[in-house]
C-alpha atoms as a PDB file:
ATOM      1  CA  UNK A   1      34.749 -13.692   9.128  1.00  0.00           C
ATOM      2  CA  UNK A   2      37.633 -14.935  11.390  1.00  0.00           C
ATOM      3  CA  UNK A   3      38.580 -14.736  14.785  1.00  0.00           C
ATOM      4  CA  UNK A   4      41.332 -14.956  16.939  1.00  0.00           C
ATOM      5  CA  UNK A   5      40.431 -13.239  20.200  1.00  0.00           C
ATOM      6  CA  UNK A   6      41.652 -14.183  23.824  1.00  0.00           C
ATOM      7  CA  UNK A   7      40.656 -12.678  27.360  1.00  0.00           C
ATOM      8  CA  UNK A   8      41.509 -13.699  30.920  1.00  0.00           C
ATOM      9  CA  UNK A   9      39.497 -12.829  34.187  1.00  0.00           C
ATOM     10  CA  UNK A  10      39.093 -14.135  37.543  1.00  0.00           C
ATOM     11  CA  UNK A  11      36.977 -16.758  38.589  1.00  0.00           C
ATOM     12  CA  UNK A  12      33.699 -16.284  36.869  1.00  0.00           C
ATOM     13  CA  UNK A  13      31.201 -18.894  38.408  1.00  0.00           C
ATOM     14  CA  UNK A  14      29.256 -21.001  36.051  1.00  0.00           C
ATOM     15  CA  UNK A  15      25.961 -22.840  37.135  1.00  0.00           C
ATOM     16  CA  UNK A  16      25.407 -25.934  35.255  1.00  0.00           C
ATOM     17  CA  UNK A  17      27.437 -27.631  32.790  1.00  0.00           C
ATOM     18  CA  UNK A  18      26.867 -25.387  29.851  1.00  0.00           C
ATOM     19  CA  UNK A  19      27.590 -21.645  29.048  1.00  0.00           C
ATOM     20  CA  UNK A  20      24.913 -19.607  27.769  1.00  0.00           C
ATOM     21  CA  UNK A  21      27.212 -17.472  25.377  1.00  0.00           C
ATOM     22  CA  UNK A  22      24.270 -14.935  24.526  1.00  0.00           C
ATOM     23  CA  UNK A  23      23.979 -14.011  27.925  1.00  0.00           C
ATOM     24  CA  UNK A  24      27.780 -14.634  28.735  1.00  0.00           C
ATOM     25  CA  UNK A  25      29.152 -12.130  26.134  1.00  0.00           C
ATOM     26  CA  UNK A  26      25.943  -9.820  25.768  1.00  0.00           C
ATOM     27  CA  UNK A  27      25.202 -11.091  22.338  1.00  0.00           C
ATOM     28  CA  UNK A  28      21.865 -11.417  20.397  1.00  0.00           C
ATOM     29  CA  UNK A  29      20.598 -14.981  19.028  1.00  0.00           C
ATOM     30  CA  UNK A  30      22.141 -14.662  15.611  1.00  0.00           C
ATOM     31  CA  UNK A  31      25.879 -13.752  16.597  1.00  0.00           C
ATOM     32  CA  UNK A  32      25.973 -16.287  19.583  1.00  0.00           C
ATOM     33  CA  UNK A  33      24.835 -19.316  17.154  1.00  0.00           C
ATOM     34  CA  UNK A  34      27.050 -18.255  14.658  1.00  0.00           C
ATOM     35  CA  UNK A  35      30.282 -18.370  16.989  1.00  0.00           C
ATOM     36  CA  UNK A  36      29.218 -20.782  19.795  1.00  0.00           C
ATOM     37  CA  UNK A  37      31.486 -23.609  18.099  1.00  0.00           C
ATOM     38  CA  UNK A  38      34.487 -21.109  17.851  1.00  0.00           C
ATOM     39  CA  UNK A  39      34.548 -20.598  21.615  1.00  0.00           C
ATOM     40  CA  UNK A  40      36.870 -22.365  24.291  1.00  0.00           C
ATOM     41  CA  UNK A  41      36.867 -21.630  28.127  1.00  0.00           C
ATOM     42  CA  UNK A  42      39.663 -21.902  30.641  1.00  0.00           C
ATOM     43  CA  UNK A  43      37.829 -23.586  33.390  1.00  0.00           C
ATOM     44  CA  UNK A  44      38.467 -25.556  36.497  1.00  0.00           C
ATOM     45  CA  UNK A  45      36.097 -27.343  38.962  1.00  0.00           C
ATOM     46  CA  UNK A  46      36.159 -26.159  42.657  1.00  0.00           C
ATOM     47  CA  UNK A  47      34.017 -28.681  44.698  1.00  0.00           C
ATOM     48  CA  UNK A  48      30.535 -28.265  42.903  1.00  0.00           C
ATOM     49  CA  UNK A  49      31.604 -25.105  41.026  1.00  0.00           C
ATOM     50  CA  UNK A  50      32.871 -24.557  37.817  1.00  0.00           C
ATOM     51  CA  UNK A  51      34.734 -21.328  37.655  1.00  0.00           C
ATOM     52  CA  UNK A  52      36.085 -19.746  34.450  1.00  0.00           C
ATOM     53  CA  UNK A  53      39.138 -17.688  34.122  1.00  0.00           C
ATOM     54  CA  UNK A  54      39.437 -16.700  30.375  1.00  0.00           C
ATOM     55  CA  UNK A  55      37.998 -17.728  27.216  1.00  0.00           C
ATOM     56  CA  UNK A  56      39.002 -17.755  23.443  1.00  0.00           C
ATOM     57  CA  UNK A  57      37.162 -17.178  20.198  1.00  0.00           C
ATOM     58  CA  UNK A  58      39.289 -18.934  17.439  1.00  0.00           C
ATOM     59  CA  UNK A  59      38.173 -20.056  13.818  1.00  0.00           C
ATOM     60  CA  UNK A  60      36.426 -18.877  10.645  1.00  0.00           C
ATOM     61  CA  UNK A  61      32.676 -18.621   9.749  1.00  0.00           C
ATOM     62  CA  UNK A  62      31.684 -18.279   6.176  1.00  0.00           C
ATOM     63  CA  UNK A  63      28.845 -15.746   6.791  1.00  0.00           C
ATOM     64  CA  UNK A  64      28.835 -12.433   8.266  1.00  0.00           C
ATOM     65  CA  UNK A  65      26.891 -10.611  10.868  1.00  0.00           C
ATOM     66  CA  UNK A  66      26.629  -7.035  12.464  1.00  0.00           C
ATOM     67  CA  UNK A  67      30.257  -6.399  13.395  1.00  0.00           C
ATOM     68  CA  UNK A  68      29.154  -3.259  15.249  1.00  0.00           C
ATOM     69  CA  UNK A  69      26.989  -5.015  17.593  1.00  0.00           C
ATOM     70  CA  UNK A  70      29.737  -7.585  18.039  1.00  0.00           C
ATOM     71  CA  UNK A  71      32.367  -4.996  19.136  1.00  0.00           C
ATOM     72  CA  UNK A  72      29.643  -3.633  21.225  1.00  0.00           C
ATOM     73  CA  UNK A  73      29.394  -6.769  23.328  1.00  0.00           C
ATOM     74  CA  UNK A  74      33.165  -7.465  23.497  1.00  0.00           C
ATOM     75  CA  UNK A  75      33.552  -4.007  25.008  1.00  0.00           C
ATOM     76  CA  UNK A  76      31.048  -4.470  27.486  1.00  0.00           C
ATOM     77  CA  UNK A  77      32.419  -7.741  28.527  1.00  0.00           C
ATOM     78  CA  UNK A  78      35.949  -6.577  28.781  1.00  0.00           C
ATOM     79  CA  UNK A  79      34.754  -3.678  30.866  1.00  0.00           C
ATOM     80  CA  UNK A  80      32.379  -5.536  33.196  1.00  0.00           C
ATOM     81  CA  UNK A  81      35.274  -7.803  33.889  1.00  0.00           C
ATOM     82  CA  UNK A  82      38.255  -5.227  33.928  1.00  0.00           C
ATOM     83  CA  UNK A  83      40.305  -7.020  31.373  1.00  0.00           C
ATOM     84  CA  UNK A  84      40.829  -6.478  27.789  1.00  0.00           C
ATOM     85  CA  UNK A  85      40.678  -8.551  24.814  1.00  0.00           C
ATOM     86  CA  UNK A  86      43.908  -9.518  23.020  1.00  0.00           C
ATOM     87  CA  UNK A  87      43.842 -10.335  19.163  1.00  0.00           C
ATOM     88  CA  UNK A  88      41.455  -9.681  16.175  1.00  0.00           C
ATOM     89  CA  UNK A  89      39.056 -10.247  14.106  1.00  0.00           C
ATOM     90  CA  UNK A  90      38.181 -10.035  10.491  1.00  0.00           C
ATOM     91  CA  UNK A  91      35.215  -9.042   8.455  1.00  0.00           C
ATOM     92  CA  UNK A  92      34.855 -10.048   4.728  1.00  0.00           C
ATOM     93  CA  UNK A  93      31.888  -9.670   2.469  1.00  0.00           C
ATOM     94  CA  UNK A  94      31.556  -8.966  -1.260  1.00  0.00           C
ATOM     95  CA  UNK A  95      32.184  -5.331  -0.602  1.00  0.00           C
ATOM     96  CA  UNK A  96      34.349  -4.969   2.529  1.00  0.00           C
ATOM     97  CA  UNK A  97      37.527  -6.103   4.085  1.00  0.00           C
ATOM     98  CA  UNK A  98      38.175  -5.052   7.625  1.00  0.00           C
ATOM     99  CA  UNK A  99      40.475  -6.117  10.486  1.00  0.00           C
ATOM    100  CA  UNK A 100      39.322  -5.010  14.126  1.00  0.00           C
ATOM    101  CA  UNK A 101      42.276  -5.190  16.258  1.00  0.00           C
ATOM    102  CA  UNK A 102      41.528  -5.463  20.110  1.00  0.00           C
ATOM    103  CA  UNK A 103      41.097  -3.895  22.668  1.00  0.00           C
ATOM    104  CA  UNK A 104      39.621  -0.807  20.779  1.00  0.00           C
ATOM    105  CA  UNK A 105      38.210  -2.689  17.844  1.00  0.00           C
ATOM    106  CA  UNK A 106      38.962   0.417  15.497  1.00  0.00           C
ATOM    107  CA  UNK A 107      38.255  -0.399  11.814  1.00  0.00           C
ATOM    108  CA  UNK A 108      41.433  -1.085   9.532  1.00  0.00           C
ATOM    109  CA  UNK A 109      41.545  -2.014   5.895  1.00  0.00           C
ATOM    110  CA  UNK A 110      42.943  -5.629   5.452  1.00  0.00           C
END
């Protein structure tokens, strides 16, 4: 699977120094563990607070996971933050090759 996704949002405050990706994107343990190293955040520190203004999921993994669950999480996130994802991600296994384009993430043949 490969990922080329970006989203912007306004000043989400993060407690502590690390982001719990599972809670942040409404993912399950398996998906969050697989993509954690692909995530980058646009952030700045305002006094003692860390504020996020966007994130990017970019790169490849050599495994697949439940893409329907992932899409549901991405849509929930964009709805809750009143903004839309830009980009796409691909799903490739031994039987299927699809591309899912943001923000609707409709399945297209690769």
